[in-house]
Amino acid sequence: MDRVNLRKLSLAIVLGLGAGQAIAVPINVLWWDSTPDYGSQAPNALRQEMSDYLTAYGGGSVFTGTYVGSETAGTLASHLASNSYDVIVFDATSSTAKFDAADVAAIQTNSTSNSNLLLD
């Protein structure tokens, strides 16, 4: 399966989380991008576009997407310390993506009540 189809599958899974449910509040989605911008091959702007698409889906009443791009260890832990998400999408397709023990602990804490993770 090529990269474009994998992204479409990821979006379909996230969108499927809200399908057929009465949603009182939007599903809060973090799109965590720790992949370097490879220019025309895979620009970060396209990754952010997917997060923005989620927010726009259903007029903004189904999902609230937050896009963060960072390759710095500890940044995720810092972000999750003041934010909680129903779904975290990890776009980390690089050996340079850095996560540390604090990041892992923050993911575990967030996953205690919100266990939806997508890995790209």
PDB file of N, CA and C in Angstrom:
ATOM      1  N   MET A   1       0.853  -1.162   0.000  1.00  0.00           N
ATOM      2  CA  MET A   1       0.000   0.000   0.000  1.00  0.00           C
ATOM      3  C   MET A   1       0.906   1.234   0.000  1.00  0.00           C
ATOM      4  N   ASP A   2       0.659   2.175  -0.914  1.00  0.00           N
ATOM      5  CA  ASP A   2       1.525   3.341  -0.983  1.00  0.00           C
ATOM      6  C   ASP A   2       1.169   4.362   0.092  1.00  0.00           C
ATOM      7  N   ARG A   3       2.031   5.352   0.236  1.00  0.00           N
ATOM      8  CA  ARG A   3       1.918   6.357   1.301  1.00  0.00           C
ATOM      9  C   ARG A   3       0.591   7.115   1.250  1.00  0.00           C
ATOM     10  N   VAL A   4       0.140   7.515   0.056  1.00  0.00           N
ATOM     11  CA  VAL A   4      -1.105   8.257  -0.068  1.00  0.00           C
ATOM     12  C   VAL A   4      -2.275   7.411   0.408  1.00  0.00           C
ATOM     13  N   ASN A   5      -2.313   6.135   0.005  1.00  0.00           N
ATOM     14  CA  ASN A   5      -3.409   5.273   0.425  1.00  0.00           C
ATOM     15  C   ASN A   5      -3.358   4.987   1.918  1.00  0.00           C
ATOM     16  N   LEU A   6      -2.167   4.903   2.510  1.00  0.00           N
ATOM     17  CA  LEU A   6      -2.060   4.724   3.955  1.00  0.00           C
ATOM     18  C   LEU A   6      -2.627   5.931   4.686  1.00  0.00           C
ATOM     19  N   ARG A   7      -2.361   7.108   4.181  1.00  0.00           N
ATOM     20  CA  ARG A   7      -2.906   8.326   4.799  1.00  0.00           C
ATOM     21  C   ARG A   7      -4.433   8.340   4.693  1.00  0.00           C
ATOM     22  N   LYS A   8      -4.945   7.950   3.544  1.00  0.00           N
ATOM     23  CA  LYS A   8      -6.400   7.901   3.382  1.00  0.00           C
ATOM     24  C   LYS A   8      -7.004   6.887   4.344  1.00  0.00           C
ATOM     25  N   LEU A   9      -6.335   5.744   4.527  1.00  0.00           N
ATOM     26  CA  LEU A   9      -6.804   4.734   5.462  1.00  0.00           C
ATOM     27  C   LEU A   9      -6.790   5.279   6.883  1.00  0.00           C
ATOM     28  N   SER A  10      -5.727   5.988   7.257  1.00  0.00           N
ATOM     29  CA  SER A  10      -5.636   6.584   8.588  1.00  0.00           C
ATOM     30  C   SER A  10      -6.793   7.545   8.826  1.00  0.00           C
ATOM     31  N   LEU A  11      -7.061   8.399   7.832  1.00  0.00           N
ATOM     32  CA  LEU A  11      -8.175   9.334   7.966  1.00  0.00           C
ATOM     33  C   LEU A  11      -9.504   8.595   8.063  1.00  0.00           C
ATOM     34  N   ALA A  12      -9.664   7.539   7.280  1.00  0.00           N
ATOM     35  CA  ALA A  12     -10.908   6.775   7.330  1.00  0.00           C
ATOM     36  C   ALA A  12     -11.123   6.163   8.700  1.00  0.00           C
ATOM     37  N   ILE A  13     -10.045   5.694   9.323  1.00  0.00           N
ATOM     38  CA  ILE A  13     -10.164   5.113  10.658  1.00  0.00           C
ATOM     39  C   ILE A  13     -10.577   6.177  11.656  1.00  0.00           C
ATOM     40  N   VAL A  14      -9.931   7.333  11.597  1.00  0.00           N
ATOM     41  CA  VAL A  14     -10.276   8.419  12.516  1.00  0.00           C
ATOM     42  C   VAL A  14     -11.711   8.859  12.292  1.00  0.00           C
ATOM     43  N   LEU A  15     -12.090   9.023  11.033  1.00  0.00           N
ATOM     44  CA  LEU A  15     -13.463   9.428  10.733  1.00  0.00           C
ATOM     45  C   LEU A  15     -14.455   8.370  11.189  1.00  0.00           C
ATOM     46  N   GLY A  16     -14.079   7.116  11.088  1.00  0.00           N
ATOM     47  CA  GLY A  16     -14.949   6.027  11.514  1.00  0.00           C
ATOM     48  C   GLY A  16     -15.210   6.023  13.007  1.00  0.00           C
ATOM     49  N   LEU A  17     -14.309   6.613  13.787  1.00  0.00           N
ATOM     50  CA  LEU A  17     -14.521   6.675  15.232  1.00  0.00           C
ATOM     51  C   LEU A  17     -15.782   7.446  15.578  1.00  0.00           C
ATOM     52  N   GLY A  18     -16.137   8.422  14.735  1.00  0.00           N
ATOM     53  CA  GLY A  18     -17.315   9.225  15.027  1.00  0.00           C
ATOM     54  C   GLY A  18     -18.548   8.808  14.237  1.00  0.00           C
ATOM     55  N   ALA A  19     -18.400   7.878  13.317  1.00  0.00           N
ATOM     56  CA  ALA A  19     -19.523   7.476  12.476  1.00  0.00           C
ATOM     57  C   ALA A  19     -20.589   6.736  13.273  1.00  0.00           C
ATOM     58  N   GLY A  20     -21.820   7.108  13.056  1.00  0.00           N
ATOM     59  CA  GLY A  20     -22.931   6.404  13.677  1.00  0.00           C
ATOM     60  C   GLY A  20     -23.112   6.712  15.152  1.00  0.00           C
ATOM     61  N   GLN A  21     -22.415   7.699  15.672  1.00  0.00           N
ATOM     62  CA  GLN A  21     -22.549   8.057  17.071  1.00  0.00           C
ATOM     63  C   GLN A  21     -23.159   9.440  17.171  1.00  0.00           C
ATOM     64  N   ALA A  22     -23.979   9.647  18.179  1.00  0.00           N
ATOM     65  CA  ALA A  22     -24.429  10.989  18.497  1.00  0.00           C
ATOM     66  C   ALA A  22     -23.305  11.630  19.292  1.00  0.00           C
ATOM     67  N   ILE A  23     -22.766  12.701  18.778  1.00  0.00           N
ATOM     68  CA  ILE A  23     -21.608  13.321  19.413  1.00  0.00           C
ATOM     69  C   ILE A  23     -22.041  14.620  20.060  1.00  0.00           C
ATOM     70  N   ALA A  24     -21.922  14.677  21.391  1.00  0.00           N
ATOM     71  CA  ALA A  24     -22.289  15.887  22.119  1.00  0.00           C
ATOM     72  C   ALA A  24     -21.222  16.959  21.964  1.00  0.00           C
ATOM     73  N   VAL A  25     -19.968  16.549  21.969  1.00  0.00           N
ATOM     74  CA  VAL A  25     -18.852  17.479  21.771  1.00  0.00           C
ATOM     75  C   VAL A  25     -17.933  16.876  20.721  1.00  0.00           C
ATOM     76  N   PRO A  26     -17.213  17.719  20.005  1.00  0.00           N
ATOM     77  CA  PRO A  26     -16.317  17.186  18.984  1.00  0.00           C
ATOM     78  C   PRO A  26     -15.239  16.275  19.585  1.00  0.00           C
ATOM     79  N   ILE A  27     -14.807  15.298  18.785  1.00  0.00           N
ATOM     80  CA  ILE A  27     -13.710  14.417  19.164  1.00  0.00           C
ATOM     81  C   ILE A  27     -12.422  15.220  19.010  1.00  0.00           C
ATOM     82  N   ASN A  28     -11.652  15.295  20.065  1.00  0.00           N
ATOM     83  CA  ASN A  28     -10.439  16.102  20.099  1.00  0.00           C
ATOM     84  C   ASN A  28      -9.256  15.266  19.593  1.00  0.00           C
ATOM     85  N   VAL A  29      -8.677  15.660  18.447  1.00  0.00           N
ATOM     86  CA  VAL A  29      -7.622  14.896  17.787  1.00  0.00           C
ATOM     87  C   VAL A  29      -6.324  15.703  17.741  1.00  0.00           C
ATOM     88  N   LEU A  30      -5.240  15.096  18.214  1.00  0.00           N
ATOM     89  CA  LEU A  30      -3.913  15.681  18.080  1.00  0.00           C
ATOM     90  C   LEU A  30      -3.210  15.009  16.917  1.00  0.00           C
ATOM     91  N   TRP A  31      -2.746  15.794  15.954  1.00  0.00           N
ATOM     92  CA  TRP A  31      -1.942  15.276  14.852  1.00  0.00           C
ATOM     93  C   TRP A  31      -0.509  15.670  15.147  1.00  0.00           C
ATOM     94  N   TRP A  32       0.284  14.722  15.671  1.00  0.00           N
ATOM     95  CA  TRP A  32       1.660  14.982  16.083  1.00  0.00           C
ATOM     96  C   TRP A  32       2.603  14.608  14.953  1.00  0.00           C
ATOM     97  N   ASP A  33       3.211  15.613  14.332  1.00  0.00           N
ATOM     98  CA  ASP A  33       4.089  15.413  13.181  1.00  0.00           C
ATOM     99  C   ASP A  33       5.532  15.582  13.619  1.00  0.00           C
ATOM    100  N   SER A  34       6.259  14.491  13.636  1.00  0.00           N
ATOM    101  CA  SER A  34       7.689  14.575  13.954  1.00  0.00           C
ATOM    102  C   SER A  34       8.529  14.075  12.781  1.00  0.00           C
ATOM    103  N   THR A  35       7.979  14.225  11.584  1.00  0.00           N
ATOM    104  CA  THR A  35       8.689  13.866  10.364  1.00  0.00           C
ATOM    105  C   THR A  35       9.289  15.126   9.760  1.00  0.00           C
ATOM    106  N   PRO A  36      10.553  15.088   9.391  1.00  0.00           N
ATOM    107  CA  PRO A  36      11.153  16.276   8.759  1.00  0.00           C
ATOM    108  C   PRO A  36      10.431  16.615   7.466  1.00  0.00           C
ATOM    109  N   ASP A  37      10.435  17.878   7.117  1.00  0.00           N
ATOM    110  CA  ASP A  37       9.854  18.326   5.862  1.00  0.00           C
ATOM    111  C   ASP A  37      10.821  17.957   4.743  1.00  0.00           C
ATOM    112  N   TYR A  38      10.394  17.034   3.880  1.00  0.00           N
ATOM    113  CA  TYR A  38      11.237  16.583   2.772  1.00  0.00           C
ATOM    114  C   TYR A  38      10.976  17.378   1.500  1.00  0.00           C
ATOM    115  N   GLY A  39      10.520  18.594   1.655  1.00  0.00           N
ATOM    116  CA  GLY A  39      10.270  19.450   0.502  1.00  0.00           C
ATOM    117  C   GLY A  39       9.094  18.955  -0.317  1.00  0.00           C
ATOM    118  N   SER A  40       9.288  18.870  -1.627  1.00  0.00           N
ATOM    119  CA  SER A  40       8.187  18.508  -2.511  1.00  0.00           C
ATOM    120  C   SER A  40       7.745  17.059  -2.355  1.00  0.00           C
ATOM    121  N   GLN A  41       8.574  16.200  -1.766  1.00  0.00           N
ATOM    122  CA  GLN A  41       8.205  14.793  -1.626  1.00  0.00           C
ATOM    123  C   GLN A  41       7.105  14.609  -0.575  1.00  0.00           C
ATOM    124  N   ALA A  42       7.233  15.247   0.557  1.00  0.00           N
ATOM    125  CA  ALA A  42       6.248  15.092   1.623  1.00  0.00           C
ATOM    126  C   ALA A  42       6.252  16.347   2.499  1.00  0.00           C
ATOM    127  N   PRO A  43       5.749  17.462   1.976  1.00  0.00           N
ATOM    128  CA  PRO A  43       5.807  18.703   2.744  1.00  0.00           C
ATOM    129  C   PRO A  43       4.937  18.664   4.006  1.00  0.00           C
ATOM    130  N   ASN A  44       5.435  19.290   5.067  1.00  0.00           N
ATOM    131  CA  ASN A  44       4.680  19.348   6.318  1.00  0.00           C
ATOM    132  C   ASN A  44       3.318  19.988   6.132  1.00  0.00           C
ATOM    133  N   ALA A  45       3.205  20.900   5.175  1.00  0.00           N
ATOM    134  CA  ALA A  45       1.915  21.565   4.927  1.00  0.00           C
ATOM    135  C   ALA A  45       0.825  20.554   4.590  1.00  0.00           C
ATOM    136  N   LEU A  46       1.174  19.465   3.908  1.00  0.00           N
ATOM    137  CA  LEU A  46       0.177  18.441   3.590  1.00  0.00           C
ATOM    138  C   LEU A  46      -0.250  17.681   4.837  1.00  0.00           C
ATOM    139  N   ARG A  47       0.663  17.497   5.771  1.00  0.00           N
ATOM    140  CA  ARG A  47       0.309  16.833   7.027  1.00  0.00           C
ATOM    141  C   ARG A  47      -0.639  17.717   7.825  1.00  0.00           C
ATOM    142  N   GLN A  48      -0.346  18.999   7.858  1.00  0.00           N
ATOM    143  CA  GLN A  48      -1.228  19.916   8.571  1.00  0.00           C
ATOM    144  C   GLN A  48      -2.590  19.988   7.884  1.00  0.00           C
ATOM    145  N   GLU A  49      -2.605  19.872   6.578  1.00  0.00           N
ATOM    146  CA  GLU A  49      -3.857  19.891   5.824  1.00  0.00           C
ATOM    147  C   GLU A  49      -4.777  18.754   6.268  1.00  0.00           C
ATOM    148  N   MET A  50      -4.215  17.597   6.596  1.00  0.00           N
ATOM    149  CA  MET A  50      -5.047  16.481   7.057  1.00  0.00           C
ATOM    150  C   MET A  50      -5.682  16.803   8.401  1.00  0.00           C
ATOM    151  N   SER A  51      -4.939  17.414   9.295  1.00  0.00           N
ATOM    152  CA  SER A  51      -5.487  17.824  10.582  1.00  0.00           C
ATOM    153  C   SER A  51      -6.577  18.875  10.386  1.00  0.00           C
ATOM    154  N   ASP A  52      -6.324  19.838   9.518  1.00  0.00           N
ATOM    155  CA  ASP A  52      -7.310  20.879   9.229  1.00  0.00           C
ATOM    156  C   ASP A  52      -8.577  20.280   8.616  1.00  0.00           C
ATOM    157  N   TYR A  53      -8.409  19.255   7.777  1.00  0.00           N
ATOM    158  CA  TYR A  53      -9.554  18.582   7.172  1.00  0.00           C
ATOM    159  C   TYR A  53     -10.461  17.975   8.249  1.00  0.00           C
ATOM    160  N   LEU A  54      -9.841  17.367   9.257  1.00  0.00           N
ATOM    161  CA  LEU A  54     -10.645  16.795  10.336  1.00  0.00           C
ATOM    162  C   LEU A  54     -11.494  17.851  11.023  1.00  0.00           C
ATOM    163  N   THR A  55     -10.896  19.001  11.297  1.00  0.00           N
ATOM    164  CA  THR A  55     -11.638  20.078  11.955  1.00  0.00           C
ATOM    165  C   THR A  55     -12.780  20.563  11.077  1.00  0.00           C
ATOM    166  N   ALA A  56     -12.551  20.656   9.781  1.00  0.00           N
ATOM    167  CA  ALA A  56     -13.588  21.136   8.865  1.00  0.00           C
ATOM    168  C   ALA A  56     -14.680  20.096   8.615  1.00  0.00           C
ATOM    169  N   TYR A  57     -14.376  18.820   8.813  1.00  0.00           N
ATOM    170  CA  TYR A  57     -15.330  17.737   8.555  1.00  0.00           C
ATOM    171  C   TYR A  57     -16.585  17.938   9.416  1.00  0.00           C
ATOM    172  N   GLY A  58     -17.723  17.903   8.805  1.00  0.00           N
ATOM    173  CA  GLY A  58     -18.978  18.061   9.541  1.00  0.00           C
ATOM    174  C   GLY A  58     -19.175  19.465  10.081  1.00  0.00           C
ATOM    175  N   GLY A  59     -18.525  20.435   9.447  1.00  0.00           N
ATOM    176  CA  GLY A  59     -18.690  21.812   9.883  1.00  0.00           C
ATOM    177  C   GLY A  59     -18.034  22.116  11.221  1.00  0.00           C
ATOM    178  N   GLY A  60     -17.092  21.290  11.627  1.00  0.00           N
ATOM    179  CA  GLY A  60     -16.387  21.516  12.882  1.00  0.00           C
ATOM    180  C   GLY A  60     -17.087  20.947  14.098  1.00  0.00           C
ATOM    181  N   SER A  61     -18.202  20.265  13.883  1.00  0.00           N
ATOM    182  CA  SER A  61     -18.944  19.719  15.025  1.00  0.00           C
ATOM    183  C   SER A  61     -18.582  18.275  15.350  1.00  0.00           C
ATOM    184  N   VAL A  62     -17.792  17.629  14.501  1.00  0.00           N
ATOM    185  CA  VAL A  62     -17.437  16.231  14.710  1.00  0.00           C
ATOM    186  C   VAL A  62     -16.040  16.099  15.315  1.00  0.00           C
ATOM    187  N   PHE A  63     -15.081  16.857  14.776  1.00  0.00           N
ATOM    188  CA  PHE A  63     -13.694  16.774  15.227  1.00  0.00           C
ATOM    189  C   PHE A  63     -13.128  18.158  15.493  1.00  0.00           C
ATOM    190  N   THR A  64     -12.222  18.223  16.437  1.00  0.00           N
ATOM    191  CA  THR A  64     -11.383  19.393  16.639  1.00  0.00           C
ATOM    192  C   THR A  64      -9.958  18.902  16.469  1.00  0.00           C
ATOM    193  N   GLY A  65      -9.312  19.299  15.393  1.00  0.00           N
ATOM    194  CA  GLY A  65      -7.955  18.854  15.113  1.00  0.00           C
ATOM    195  C   GLY A  65      -6.930  19.875  15.555  1.00  0.00           C
ATOM    196  N   THR A  66      -5.866  19.385  16.141  1.00  0.00           N
ATOM    197  CA  THR A  66      -4.730  20.230  16.523  1.00  0.00           C
ATOM    198  C   THR A  66      -3.490  19.640  15.878  1.00  0.00           C
ATOM    199  N   TYR A  67      -2.809  20.445  15.085  1.00  0.00           N
ATOM    200  CA  TYR A  67      -1.584  20.005  14.425  1.00  0.00           C
ATOM    201  C   TYR A  67      -0.392  20.586  15.169  1.00  0.00           C
ATOM    202  N   VAL A  68       0.578  19.727  15.488  1.00  0.00           N
ATOM    203  CA  VAL A  68       1.840  20.177  16.073  1.00  0.00           C
ATOM    204  C   VAL A  68       2.964  19.480  15.329  1.00  0.00           C
ATOM    205  N   GLY A  69       3.920  20.258  14.872  1.00  0.00           N
ATOM    206  CA  GLY A  69       5.094  19.713  14.217  1.00  0.00           C
ATOM    207  C   GLY A  69       6.322  19.943  15.092  1.00  0.00           C
ATOM    208  N   SER A  70       6.959  18.851  15.527  1.00  0.00           N
ATOM    209  CA  SER A  70       8.155  18.972  16.356  1.00  0.00           C
ATOM    210  C   SER A  70       8.983  17.703  16.261  1.00  0.00           C
ATOM    211  N   GLU A  71      10.282  17.882  16.165  1.00  0.00           N
ATOM    212  CA  GLU A  71      11.210  16.754  16.184  1.00  0.00           C
ATOM    213  C   GLU A  71      12.057  16.776  17.450  1.00  0.00           C
ATOM    214  N   THR A  72      11.620  17.515  18.454  1.00  0.00           N
ATOM    215  CA  THR A  72      12.392  17.701  19.671  1.00  0.00           C
ATOM    216  C   THR A  72      11.853  16.836  20.803  1.00  0.00           C
ATOM    217  N   ALA A  73      12.714  16.023  21.385  1.00  0.00           N
ATOM    218  CA  ALA A  73      12.318  15.183  22.517  1.00  0.00           C
ATOM    219  C   ALA A  73      11.819  16.056  23.656  1.00  0.00           C
ATOM    220  N   GLY A  74      10.752  15.593  24.311  1.00  0.00           N
ATOM    221  CA  GLY A  74      10.190  16.313  25.446  1.00  0.00           C
ATOM    222  C   GLY A  74       9.082  17.278  25.079  1.00  0.00           C
ATOM    223  N   THR A  75       8.996  17.651  23.810  1.00  0.00           N
ATOM    224  CA  THR A  75       7.971  18.593  23.377  1.00  0.00           C
ATOM    225  C   THR A  75       6.574  17.993  23.503  1.00  0.00           C
ATOM    226  N   LEU A  76       6.429  16.725  23.177  1.00  0.00           N
ATOM    227  CA  LEU A  76       5.134  16.065  23.294  1.00  0.00           C
ATOM    228  C   LEU A  76       4.681  16.034  24.749  1.00  0.00           C
ATOM    229  N   ALA A  77       5.572  15.683  25.661  1.00  0.00           N
ATOM    230  CA  ALA A  77       5.230  15.650  27.090  1.00  0.00           C
ATOM    231  C   ALA A  77       4.772  17.021  27.559  1.00  0.00           C
ATOM    232  N   SER A  78       5.483  18.044  27.143  1.00  0.00           N
ATOM    233  CA  SER A  78       5.117  19.412  27.514  1.00  0.00           C
ATOM    234  C   SER A  78       3.733  19.770  26.984  1.00  0.00           C
ATOM    235  N   HIS A  79       3.458  19.397  25.750  1.00  0.00           N
ATOM    236  CA  HIS A  79       2.155  19.693  25.138  1.00  0.00           C
ATOM    237  C   HIS A  79       1.031  18.935  25.850  1.00  0.00           C
ATOM    238  N   LEU A  80       1.248  17.650  26.112  1.00  0.00           N
ATOM    239  CA  LEU A  80       0.204  16.838  26.746  1.00  0.00           C
ATOM    240  C   LEU A  80      -0.006  17.207  28.216  1.00  0.00           C
ATOM    241  N   ALA A  81       0.942  17.899  28.825  1.00  0.00           N
ATOM    242  CA  ALA A  81       0.780  18.319  30.221  1.00  0.00           C
ATOM    243  C   ALA A  81      -0.375  19.304  30.372  1.00  0.00           C
ATOM    244  N   SER A  82      -0.669  20.052  29.309  1.00  0.00           N
ATOM    245  CA  SER A  82      -1.752  21.036  29.402  1.00  0.00           C
ATOM    246  C   SER A  82      -2.881  20.780  28.409  1.00  0.00           C
ATOM    247  N   ASN A  83      -2.867  19.628  27.748  1.00  0.00           N
ATOM    248  CA  ASN A  83      -3.904  19.292  26.770  1.00  0.00           C
ATOM    249  C   ASN A  83      -4.225  17.805  26.852  1.00  0.00           C
ATOM    250  N   SER A  84      -5.474  17.473  26.581  1.00  0.00           N
ATOM    251  CA  SER A  84      -5.901  16.078  26.552  1.00  0.00           C
ATOM    252  C   SER A  84      -6.610  15.823  25.227  1.00  0.00           C
ATOM    253  N   TYR A  85      -6.382  14.642  24.674  1.00  0.00           N
ATOM    254  CA  TYR A  85      -6.957  14.323  23.370  1.00  0.00           C
ATOM    255  C   TYR A  85      -7.655  12.975  23.404  1.00  0.00           C
ATOM    256  N   ASP A  86      -8.721  12.869  22.597  1.00  0.00           N
ATOM    257  CA  ASP A  86      -9.428  11.599  22.451  1.00  0.00           C
ATOM    258  C   ASP A  86      -8.649  10.664  21.531  1.00  0.00           C
ATOM    259  N   VAL A  87      -7.960  11.251  20.564  1.00  0.00           N
ATOM    260  CA  VAL A  87      -7.185  10.492  19.582  1.00  0.00           C
ATOM    261  C   VAL A  87      -5.866  11.220  19.358  1.00  0.00           C
ATOM    262  N   ILE A  88      -4.773  10.452  19.320  1.00  0.00           N
ATOM    263  CA  ILE A  88      -3.482  11.021  18.943  1.00  0.00           C
ATOM    264  C   ILE A  88      -3.017  10.290  17.687  1.00  0.00           C
ATOM    265  N   VAL A  89      -2.742  11.059  16.646  1.00  0.00           N
ATOM    266  CA  VAL A  89      -2.203  10.528  15.402  1.00  0.00           C
ATOM    267  C   VAL A  89      -0.716  10.864  15.374  1.00  0.00           C
ATOM    268  N   PHE A  90       0.124   9.842  15.315  1.00  0.00           N
ATOM    269  CA  PHE A  90       1.568  10.047  15.240  1.00  0.00           C
ATOM    270  C   PHE A  90       2.013   9.920  13.802  1.00  0.00           C
ATOM    271  N   ASP A  91       2.495  11.013  13.250  1.00  0.00           N
ATOM    272  CA  ASP A  91       3.082  11.022  11.919  1.00  0.00           C
ATOM    273  C   ASP A  91       4.585  11.124  12.141  1.00  0.00           C
ATOM    274  N   ALA A  92       5.210   9.990  12.358  1.00  0.00           N
ATOM    275  CA  ALA A  92       6.621   9.957  12.752  1.00  0.00           C
ATOM    276  C   ALA A  92       7.382   8.993  11.858  1.00  0.00           C
ATOM    277  N   THR A  93       7.515   9.359  10.611  1.00  0.00           N
ATOM    278  CA  THR A  93       8.139   8.463   9.640  1.00  0.00           C
ATOM    279  C   THR A  93       9.589   8.846   9.393  1.00  0.00           C
ATOM    280  N   SER A  94      10.364   8.904  10.456  1.00  0.00           N
ATOM    281  CA  SER A  94      11.761   9.277  10.317  1.00  0.00           C
ATOM    282  C   SER A  94      12.574   8.719  11.467  1.00  0.00           C
ATOM    283  N   SER A  95      13.795   8.373  11.177  1.00  0.00           N
ATOM    284  CA  SER A  95      14.679   7.912  12.243  1.00  0.00           C
ATOM    285  C   SER A  95      15.176   9.083  13.084  1.00  0.00           C
ATOM    286  N   THR A  96      14.929  10.310  12.629  1.00  0.00           N
ATOM    287  CA  THR A  96      15.360  11.480  13.389  1.00  0.00           C
ATOM    288  C   THR A  96      14.304  11.942  14.393  1.00  0.00           C
ATOM    289  N   ALA A  97      13.106  11.369  14.330  1.00  0.00           N
ATOM    290  CA  ALA A  97      12.057  11.745  15.283  1.00  0.00           C
ATOM    291  C   ALA A  97      12.525  11.362  16.678  1.00  0.00           C
ATOM    292  N   LYS A  98      12.461  12.288  17.587  1.00  0.00           N
ATOM    293  CA  LYS A  98      12.981  12.043  18.928  1.00  0.00           C
ATOM    294  C   LYS A  98      11.855  12.088  19.953  1.00  0.00           C
ATOM    295  N   PHE A  99      11.746  11.032  20.729  1.00  0.00           N
ATOM    296  CA  PHE A  99      10.827  10.962  21.859  1.00  0.00           C
ATOM    297  C   PHE A  99      11.649  10.498  23.047  1.00  0.00           C
ATOM    298  N   ASP A 100      11.379  11.049  24.209  1.00  0.00           N
ATOM    299  CA  ASP A 100      12.120  10.622  25.393  1.00  0.00           C
ATOM    300  C   ASP A 100      11.176   9.967  26.400  1.00  0.00           C
ATOM    301  N   ALA A 101      11.705   9.598  27.553  1.00  0.00           N
ATOM    302  CA  ALA A 101      10.914   8.905  28.576  1.00  0.00           C
ATOM    303  C   ALA A 101       9.725   9.747  29.029  1.00  0.00           C
ATOM    304  N   ALA A 102       9.906  11.068  29.098  1.00  0.00           N
ATOM    305  CA  ALA A 102       8.797  11.944  29.491  1.00  0.00           C
ATOM    306  C   ALA A 102       7.675  11.903  28.455  1.00  0.00           C
ATOM    307  N   ASP A 103       8.040  11.842  27.170  1.00  0.00           N
ATOM    308  CA  ASP A 103       7.038  11.733  26.104  1.00  0.00           C
ATOM    309  C   ASP A 103       6.248  10.431  26.237  1.00  0.00           C
ATOM    310  N   VAL A 104       6.957   9.339  26.464  1.00  0.00           N
ATOM    311  CA  VAL A 104       6.307   8.028  26.602  1.00  0.00           C
ATOM    312  C   VAL A 104       5.368   8.031  27.812  1.00  0.00           C
ATOM    313  N   ALA A 105       5.812   8.582  28.918  1.00  0.00           N
ATOM    314  CA  ALA A 105       4.969   8.651  30.118  1.00  0.00           C
ATOM    315  C   ALA A 105       3.724   9.500  29.862  1.00  0.00           C
ATOM    316  N   ALA A 106       3.871  10.605  29.126  1.00  0.00           N
ATOM    317  CA  ALA A 106       2.734  11.470  28.813  1.00  0.00           C
ATOM    318  C   ALA A 106       1.726  10.747  27.923  1.00  0.00           C
ATOM    319  N   ILE A 107       2.225   9.954  26.976  1.00  0.00           N
ATOM    320  CA  ILE A 107       1.324   9.169  26.124  1.00  0.00           C
ATOM    321  C   ILE A 107       0.571   8.151  26.969  1.00  0.00           C
ATOM    322  N   GLN A 108       1.257   7.496  27.869  1.00  0.00           N
ATOM    323  CA  GLN A 108       0.615   6.514  28.749  1.00  0.00           C
ATOM    324  C   GLN A 108      -0.444   7.173  29.618  1.00  0.00           C
ATOM    325  N   THR A 109      -0.154   8.348  30.156  1.00  0.00           N
ATOM    326  CA  THR A 109      -1.123   9.067  30.985  1.00  0.00           C
ATOM    327  C   THR A 109      -2.342   9.457  30.166  1.00  0.00           C
ATOM    328  N   ASN A 110      -2.128  10.009  28.974  1.00  0.00           N
ATOM    329  CA  ASN A 110      -3.244  10.382  28.110  1.00  0.00           C
ATOM    330  C   ASN A 110      -4.056   9.155  27.717  1.00  0.00           C
ATOM    331  N   SER A 111      -3.378   8.033  27.500  1.00  0.00           N
ATOM    332  CA  SER A 111      -4.056   6.812  27.050  1.00  0.00           C
ATOM    333  C   SER A 111      -4.847   6.123  28.155  1.00  0.00           C
ATOM    334  N   THR A 112      -4.625   6.505  29.398  1.00  0.00           N
ATOM    335  CA  THR A 112      -5.378   5.913  30.501  1.00  0.00           C
ATOM    336  C   THR A 112      -6.869   6.152  30.329  1.00  0.00           C
ATOM    337  N   SER A 113      -7.231   7.365  29.909  1.00  0.00           N
ATOM    338  CA  SER A 113      -8.647   7.675  29.717  1.00  0.00           C
ATOM    339  C   SER A 113      -9.022   7.762  28.246  1.00  0.00           C
ATOM    340  N   ASN A 114      -8.057   7.926  27.375  1.00  0.00           N
ATOM    341  CA  ASN A 114      -8.306   8.054  25.938  1.00  0.00           C
ATOM    342  C   ASN A 114      -7.351   7.118  25.218  1.00  0.00           C
ATOM    343  N   SER A 115      -7.829   5.962  24.832  1.00  0.00           N
ATOM    344  CA  SER A 115      -6.921   4.925  24.335  1.00  0.00           C
ATOM    345  C   SER A 115      -6.856   4.819  22.815  1.00  0.00           C
ATOM    346  N   ASN A 116      -7.124   5.897  22.096  1.00  0.00           N
ATOM    347  CA  ASN A 116      -7.101   5.846  20.648  1.00  0.00           C
ATOM    348  C   ASN A 116      -5.821   6.449  20.104  1.00  0.00           C
ATOM    349  N   LEU A 117      -4.958   5.591  19.577  1.00  0.00           N
ATOM    350  CA  LEU A 117      -3.706   6.035  18.979  1.00  0.00           C
ATOM    351  C   LEU A 117      -3.656   5.549  17.537  1.00  0.00           C
ATOM    352  N   LEU A 118      -3.201   6.410  16.635  1.00  0.00           N
ATOM    353  CA  LEU A 118      -2.968   6.023  15.253  1.00  0.00           C
ATOM    354  C   LEU A 118      -1.515   6.278  14.950  1.00  0.00           C
ATOM    355  N   LEU A 119      -0.861   5.328  14.339  1.00  0.00           N
ATOM    356  CA  LEU A 119       0.543   5.468  13.991  1.00  0.00           C
ATOM    357  C   LEU A 119       0.698   5.512  12.490  1.00  0.00           C
ATOM    358  N   ASP A 120       1.446   6.479  12.021  1.00  0.00           N
ATOM    359  CA  ASP A 120       1.711   6.591  10.590  1.00  0.00           C
ATOM    360  C   ASP A 120       3.184   6.374  10.385  1.00  0.00           C
TER     361      ASP A 120
END
